[in-house]
Amino acid sequence: MDFGKVIDLLSGFFEQEKLPFAVIGAFGLHAYGLTRATTDVDFVTDSSARSQLVSFLEANGYETLYSSEGYSNHLHPDPAFGRVDLVYVSGETGRRLFDGASVRSLVPGRRVPVPRPEHLAAMKIYAIKNDPERRHQELADIRFLLGLPDVDRIEIRGYFQSSGLGELYDDLEKAF
């Protein structure tokens, strides 16, 4: 997969349409110093962009594998374009996420918005809640985020608690 090409394609769309967006997932973590293998690129955008974005991806050769109000994933037959996963947010959640994002370098010559570490952690907590099989990898990523300088652990703890997963946070804190 040519990650730069995919990031250019999607960020170009978001910028042209004046839609808020940020890179999340493995590339979001990479922006903070954690590099791990990945086979896709993940973005978050406003939920109002979903139908327009799905149409754009399909017009560019992507097949929509799944689409719901909060999430969609897409696969291109050309391995250079690979898989794109999208998370859709709205309201206060979206405002806080996009307002808090900072522009960072991800791949050479490409700078894109990335959410705060606390917001990346919140999305990973939500992923654990919705798919407990993801627990091991997501907790490893959250452990990394908790170790970043100046990260707001109280905020992250609140996301665990509001998701009914407070005991997982307590286990992570013991590791520190």
C-alpha atoms as a PDB file:
ATOM      1  CA  MET A   1       0.000   0.000   0.000  1.00  0.00           C
ATOM      2  CA  ASP A   2       1.241   3.454  -0.862  1.00  0.00           C
ATOM      3  CA  PHE A   3       0.231   5.209   2.360  1.00  0.00           C
ATOM      4  CA  GLY A   4       1.298   8.626   1.089  1.00  0.00           C
ATOM      5  CA  LYS A   5      -0.890   8.287  -1.990  1.00  0.00           C
ATOM      6  CA  VAL A   6      -3.922   7.320   0.116  1.00  0.00           C
ATOM      7  CA  ILE A   7      -3.339  10.094   2.639  1.00  0.00           C
ATOM      8  CA  ASP A   8      -3.021  12.586  -0.240  1.00  0.00           C
ATOM      9  CA  LEU A   9      -6.227  11.334  -1.873  1.00  0.00           C
ATOM     10  CA  LEU A  10      -8.331  11.567   1.271  1.00  0.00           C
ATOM     11  CA  SER A  11      -6.816  14.726   2.737  1.00  0.00           C
ATOM     12  CA  GLY A  12      -7.241  16.390  -0.670  1.00  0.00           C
ATOM     13  CA  PHE A  13     -10.932  15.490  -0.620  1.00  0.00           C
ATOM     14  CA  PHE A  14     -11.421  16.754   2.936  1.00  0.00           C
ATOM     15  CA  GLU A  15      -9.591  20.004   2.226  1.00  0.00           C
ATOM     16  CA  GLN A  16     -11.419  20.641  -1.060  1.00  0.00           C
ATOM     17  CA  GLU A  17     -14.784  20.050   0.601  1.00  0.00           C
ATOM     18  CA  LYS A  18     -13.730  22.015   3.711  1.00  0.00           C
ATOM     19  CA  LEU A  19     -14.518  19.068   5.976  1.00  0.00           C
ATOM     20  CA  PRO A  20     -12.824  18.510   9.319  1.00  0.00           C
ATOM     21  CA  PHE A  21     -10.694  15.374   9.504  1.00  0.00           C
ATOM     22  CA  ALA A  22      -7.815  13.746  11.296  1.00  0.00           C
ATOM     23  CA  VAL A  23      -5.696  10.648  10.840  1.00  0.00           C
ATOM     24  CA  ILE A  24      -6.185   8.039  13.563  1.00  0.00           C
ATOM     25  CA  GLY A  25      -5.238   4.389  14.082  1.00  0.00           C
ATOM     26  CA  ALA A  26      -1.654   3.261  13.505  1.00  0.00           C
ATOM     27  CA  PHE A  27      -0.720   6.491  11.702  1.00  0.00           C
ATOM     28  CA  GLY A  28      -2.178   8.581  14.508  1.00  0.00           C
ATOM     29  CA  LEU A  29      -0.002   6.643  16.951  1.00  0.00           C
ATOM     30  CA  HIS A  30       2.987   7.019  14.631  1.00  0.00           C
ATOM     31  CA  ALA A  31       2.628  10.787  14.883  1.00  0.00           C
ATOM     32  CA  TYR A  32       3.360  10.424  18.612  1.00  0.00           C
ATOM     33  CA  GLY A  33       6.271   8.036  18.180  1.00  0.00           C
ATOM     34  CA  LEU A  34       4.767   4.527  18.162  1.00  0.00           C
ATOM     35  CA  THR A  35       5.415   2.771  14.898  1.00  0.00           C
ATOM     36  CA  ARG A  36       3.721  -0.545  14.268  1.00  0.00           C
ATOM     37  CA  ALA A  37       2.752  -2.558  11.230  1.00  0.00           C
ATOM     38  CA  THR A  38      -0.512  -1.651   9.564  1.00  0.00           C
ATOM     39  CA  THR A  39      -2.316  -2.522   6.372  1.00  0.00           C
ATOM     40  CA  ASP A  40      -4.774   0.367   6.270  1.00  0.00           C
ATOM     41  CA  VAL A  41      -5.196   4.083   6.861  1.00  0.00           C
ATOM     42  CA  ASP A  42      -7.792   5.304   9.365  1.00  0.00           C
ATOM     43  CA  PHE A  43      -9.472   8.710   9.368  1.00  0.00           C
ATOM     44  CA  VAL A  44     -12.073  10.431  11.512  1.00  0.00           C
ATOM     45  CA  THR A  45     -14.381  13.074  10.081  1.00  0.00           C
ATOM     46  CA  ASP A  46     -17.726  14.698  10.755  1.00  0.00           C
ATOM     47  CA  SER A  47     -20.728  12.416  10.381  1.00  0.00           C
ATOM     48  CA  SER A  48     -22.332  14.868   7.957  1.00  0.00           C
ATOM     49  CA  ALA A  49     -19.631  13.897   5.406  1.00  0.00           C
ATOM     50  CA  ARG A  50     -20.421  10.156   5.400  1.00  0.00           C
ATOM     51  CA  SER A  51     -22.558   9.806   2.263  1.00  0.00           C
ATOM     52  CA  GLN A  52     -20.454  12.279   0.276  1.00  0.00           C
ATOM     53  CA  LEU A  53     -17.239  10.543   1.357  1.00  0.00           C
ATOM     54  CA  VAL A  54     -18.523   7.042   0.577  1.00  0.00           C
ATOM     55  CA  SER A  55     -19.561   8.263  -2.892  1.00  0.00           C
ATOM     56  CA  PHE A  56     -16.124   9.823  -3.404  1.00  0.00           C
ATOM     57  CA  LEU A  57     -14.340   6.617  -2.432  1.00  0.00           C
ATOM     58  CA  GLU A  58     -16.567   4.487  -4.658  1.00  0.00           C
ATOM     59  CA  ALA A  59     -16.005   6.887  -7.570  1.00  0.00           C
ATOM     60  CA  ASN A  60     -12.276   6.363  -7.010  1.00  0.00           C
ATOM     61  CA  GLY A  61     -12.545   2.584  -7.243  1.00  0.00           C
ATOM     62  CA  TYR A  62     -13.052   1.619  -3.606  1.00  0.00           C
ATOM     63  CA  GLU A  63     -15.583  -1.038  -2.673  1.00  0.00           C
ATOM     64  CA  THR A  64     -17.566  -0.264   0.464  1.00  0.00           C
ATOM     65  CA  LEU A  65     -17.211  -3.308   2.708  1.00  0.00           C
ATOM     66  CA  TYR A  66     -19.310  -1.954   5.549  1.00  0.00           C
ATOM     67  CA  SER A  67     -21.069   1.290   6.334  1.00  0.00           C
ATOM     68  CA  SER A  68     -23.007   2.418   9.385  1.00  0.00           C
ATOM     69  CA  GLU A  69     -23.792   5.733  11.023  1.00  0.00           C
ATOM     70  CA  GLY A  70     -20.492   5.754  12.908  1.00  0.00           C
ATOM     71  CA  TYR A  71     -18.081   3.703  10.835  1.00  0.00           C
ATOM     72  CA  SER A  72     -17.258   2.521   7.321  1.00  0.00           C
ATOM     73  CA  ASN A  73     -14.468   0.613   5.653  1.00  0.00           C
ATOM     74  CA  HIS A  74     -13.433   0.480   2.040  1.00  0.00           C
ATOM     75  CA  LEU A  75     -11.105  -1.659  -0.068  1.00  0.00           C
ATOM     76  CA  HIS A  76      -9.513  -0.799  -3.384  1.00  0.00           C
ATOM     77  CA  PRO A  77      -8.656  -3.545  -5.919  1.00  0.00           C
ATOM     78  CA  ASP A  78      -5.302  -1.840  -6.540  1.00  0.00           C
ATOM     79  CA  PRO A  79      -3.030  -2.807  -3.618  1.00  0.00           C
ATOM     80  CA  ALA A  80      -1.388   0.633  -3.797  1.00  0.00           C
ATOM     81  CA  PHE A  81      -4.659   2.158  -2.524  1.00  0.00           C
ATOM     82  CA  GLY A  82      -5.474  -0.660  -0.099  1.00  0.00           C
ATOM     83  CA  ARG A  83      -7.968  -0.327   2.709  1.00  0.00           C
ATOM     84  CA  VAL A  84      -9.384   2.834   4.296  1.00  0.00           C
ATOM     85  CA  ASP A  85     -11.357   2.824   7.545  1.00  0.00           C
ATOM     86  CA  LEU A  86     -13.429   5.830   8.603  1.00  0.00           C
ATOM     87  CA  VAL A  87     -14.942   6.880  11.909  1.00  0.00           C
ATOM     88  CA  TYR A  88     -17.717   9.478  11.912  1.00  0.00           C
ATOM     89  CA  VAL A  89     -18.307  11.805  14.856  1.00  0.00           C
ATOM     90  CA  SER A  90     -20.645  14.720  15.449  1.00  0.00           C
ATOM     91  CA  GLY A  91     -21.709  17.366  17.915  1.00  0.00           C
ATOM     92  CA  GLU A  92     -19.597  18.171  20.938  1.00  0.00           C
ATOM     93  CA  THR A  93     -17.439  15.077  20.415  1.00  0.00           C
ATOM     94  CA  GLY A  94     -16.480  16.214  16.943  1.00  0.00           C
ATOM     95  CA  ARG A  95     -15.929  19.806  17.968  1.00  0.00           C
ATOM     96  CA  ARG A  96     -13.580  18.820  20.808  1.00  0.00           C
ATOM     97  CA  LEU A  97     -11.721  16.267  18.689  1.00  0.00           C
ATOM     98  CA  PHE A  98     -11.135  18.524  15.684  1.00  0.00           C
ATOM     99  CA  ASP A  99     -10.405  21.647  17.761  1.00  0.00           C
ATOM    100  CA  GLY A 100      -7.797  19.725  19.740  1.00  0.00           C
ATOM    101  CA  ALA A 101      -6.076  18.125  16.744  1.00  0.00           C
ATOM    102  CA  SER A 102      -2.598  19.254  15.747  1.00  0.00           C
ATOM    103  CA  VAL A 103      -0.929  19.088  12.352  1.00  0.00           C
ATOM    104  CA  ARG A 104       1.912  16.537  12.335  1.00  0.00           C
ATOM    105  CA  SER A 105       4.233  14.813   9.885  1.00  0.00           C
ATOM    106  CA  LEU A 106       3.236  11.250   9.099  1.00  0.00           C
ATOM    107  CA  VAL A 107       5.022  10.274   5.923  1.00  0.00           C
ATOM    108  CA  PRO A 108       7.708  12.334   4.165  1.00  0.00           C
ATOM    109  CA  GLY A 109       6.325  15.606   2.897  1.00  0.00           C
ATOM    110  CA  ARG A 110       2.836  15.106   4.315  1.00  0.00           C
ATOM    111  CA  ARG A 111       1.471  16.935   7.342  1.00  0.00           C
ATOM    112  CA  VAL A 112      -2.084  16.201   8.452  1.00  0.00           C
ATOM    113  CA  PRO A 113      -4.237  16.734  11.539  1.00  0.00           C
ATOM    114  CA  VAL A 114      -3.940  14.123  14.290  1.00  0.00           C
ATOM    115  CA  PRO A 115      -6.139  14.060  17.418  1.00  0.00           C
ATOM    116  CA  ARG A 116      -4.734  14.607  20.897  1.00  0.00           C
ATOM    117  CA  PRO A 117      -3.417  11.418  22.548  1.00  0.00           C
ATOM    118  CA  GLU A 118      -6.390  11.493  24.927  1.00  0.00           C
ATOM    119  CA  HIS A 119      -8.809  11.381  21.989  1.00  0.00           C
ATOM    120  CA  LEU A 120      -6.892   8.546  20.315  1.00  0.00           C
ATOM    121  CA  ALA A 121      -7.179   6.663  23.604  1.00  0.00           C
ATOM    122  CA  ALA A 122     -10.925   7.376  23.770  1.00  0.00           C
ATOM    123  CA  MET A 123     -11.425   5.836  20.308  1.00  0.00           C
ATOM    124  CA  LYS A 124      -9.418   2.782  21.338  1.00  0.00           C
ATOM    125  CA  ILE A 125     -11.496   2.402  24.511  1.00  0.00           C
ATOM    126  CA  TYR A 126     -14.646   2.569  22.395  1.00  0.00           C
ATOM    127  CA  ALA A 127     -13.170  -0.127  20.104  1.00  0.00           C
ATOM    128  CA  ILE A 128     -12.565  -2.405  23.112  1.00  0.00           C
ATOM    129  CA  LYS A 129     -16.110  -1.872  24.335  1.00  0.00           C
ATOM    130  CA  ASN A 130     -17.552  -2.746  20.910  1.00  0.00           C
ATOM    131  CA  ASP A 131     -15.188  -5.624  20.131  1.00  0.00           C
ATOM    132  CA  PRO A 132     -13.556  -7.228  23.197  1.00  0.00           C
ATOM    133  CA  GLU A 133     -11.311  -9.307  20.908  1.00  0.00           C
ATOM    134  CA  ARG A 134      -9.396  -6.090  20.155  1.00  0.00           C
ATOM    135  CA  ARG A 135      -8.581  -5.625  23.830  1.00  0.00           C
ATOM    136  CA  HIS A 136      -4.955  -6.780  23.790  1.00  0.00           C
ATOM    137  CA  GLN A 137      -3.735  -4.546  20.936  1.00  0.00           C
ATOM    138  CA  GLU A 138      -5.824  -1.548  21.941  1.00  0.00           C
ATOM    139  CA  LEU A 139      -4.590  -1.706  25.542  1.00  0.00           C
ATOM    140  CA  ALA A 140      -0.989  -1.876  24.334  1.00  0.00           C
ATOM    141  CA  ASP A 141      -1.616   1.296  22.296  1.00  0.00           C
ATOM    142  CA  ILE A 142      -3.324   3.027  25.234  1.00  0.00           C
ATOM    143  CA  ARG A 143      -0.425   2.055  27.509  1.00  0.00           C
ATOM    144  CA  PHE A 144       1.893   3.839  25.069  1.00  0.00           C
ATOM    145  CA  LEU A 145      -0.354   6.930  25.001  1.00  0.00           C
ATOM    146  CA  LEU A 146      -0.503   7.039  28.808  1.00  0.00           C
ATOM    147  CA  GLY A 147       3.299   7.192  28.863  1.00  0.00           C
ATOM    148  CA  LEU A 148       3.527  10.320  26.719  1.00  0.00           C
ATOM    149  CA  PRO A 149       4.681  13.502  28.441  1.00  0.00           C
ATOM    150  CA  ASP A 150       1.860  15.805  29.550  1.00  0.00           C
ATOM    151  CA  VAL A 151      -0.907  13.335  28.653  1.00  0.00           C
ATOM    152  CA  ASP A 152      -4.023  13.904  30.743  1.00  0.00           C
ATOM    153  CA  ARG A 153      -4.442  10.578  32.541  1.00  0.00           C
ATOM    154  CA  ILE A 154      -7.515  11.824  34.386  1.00  0.00           C
ATOM    155  CA  GLU A 155      -9.235  12.513  31.073  1.00  0.00           C
ATOM    156  CA  ILE A 156      -8.344   9.047  29.774  1.00  0.00           C
ATOM    157  CA  ARG A 157      -9.526   7.480  33.018  1.00  0.00           C
ATOM    158  CA  GLY A 158     -12.848   9.265  32.528  1.00  0.00           C
ATOM    159  CA  TYR A 159     -13.227   7.700  29.066  1.00  0.00           C
ATOM    160  CA  PHE A 160     -12.628   4.249  30.553  1.00  0.00           C
ATOM    161  CA  GLN A 161     -15.150   4.904  33.324  1.00  0.00           C
ATOM    162  CA  SER A 162     -17.837   6.302  31.033  1.00  0.00           C
ATOM    163  CA  SER A 163     -17.478   3.185  28.864  1.00  0.00           C
ATOM    164  CA  GLY A 164     -17.909   0.903  31.870  1.00  0.00           C
ATOM    165  CA  LEU A 165     -14.281  -0.230  31.624  1.00  0.00           C
ATOM    166  CA  GLY A 166     -12.809   1.506  34.673  1.00  0.00           C
ATOM    167  CA  GLU A 167     -11.167  -1.694  35.907  1.00  0.00           C
ATOM    168  CA  LEU A 168      -9.047  -1.820  32.737  1.00  0.00           C
ATOM    169  CA  TYR A 169      -7.718   1.642  33.492  1.00  0.00           C
ATOM    170  CA  ASP A 170      -6.878   0.580  37.045  1.00  0.00           C
ATOM    171  CA  ASP A 171      -4.918  -2.379  35.641  1.00  0.00           C
ATOM    172  CA  LEU A 172      -2.997  -0.058  33.298  1.00  0.00           C
ATOM    173  CA  GLU A 173      -2.166   2.338  36.126  1.00  0.00           C
ATOM    174  CA  LYS A 174      -0.683  -0.537  38.116  1.00  0.00           C
ATOM    175  CA  ALA A 175       1.716  -1.161  35.230  1.00  0.00           C
ATOM    176  CA  PHE A 176       3.105   2.366  35.693  1.00  0.00           C
END
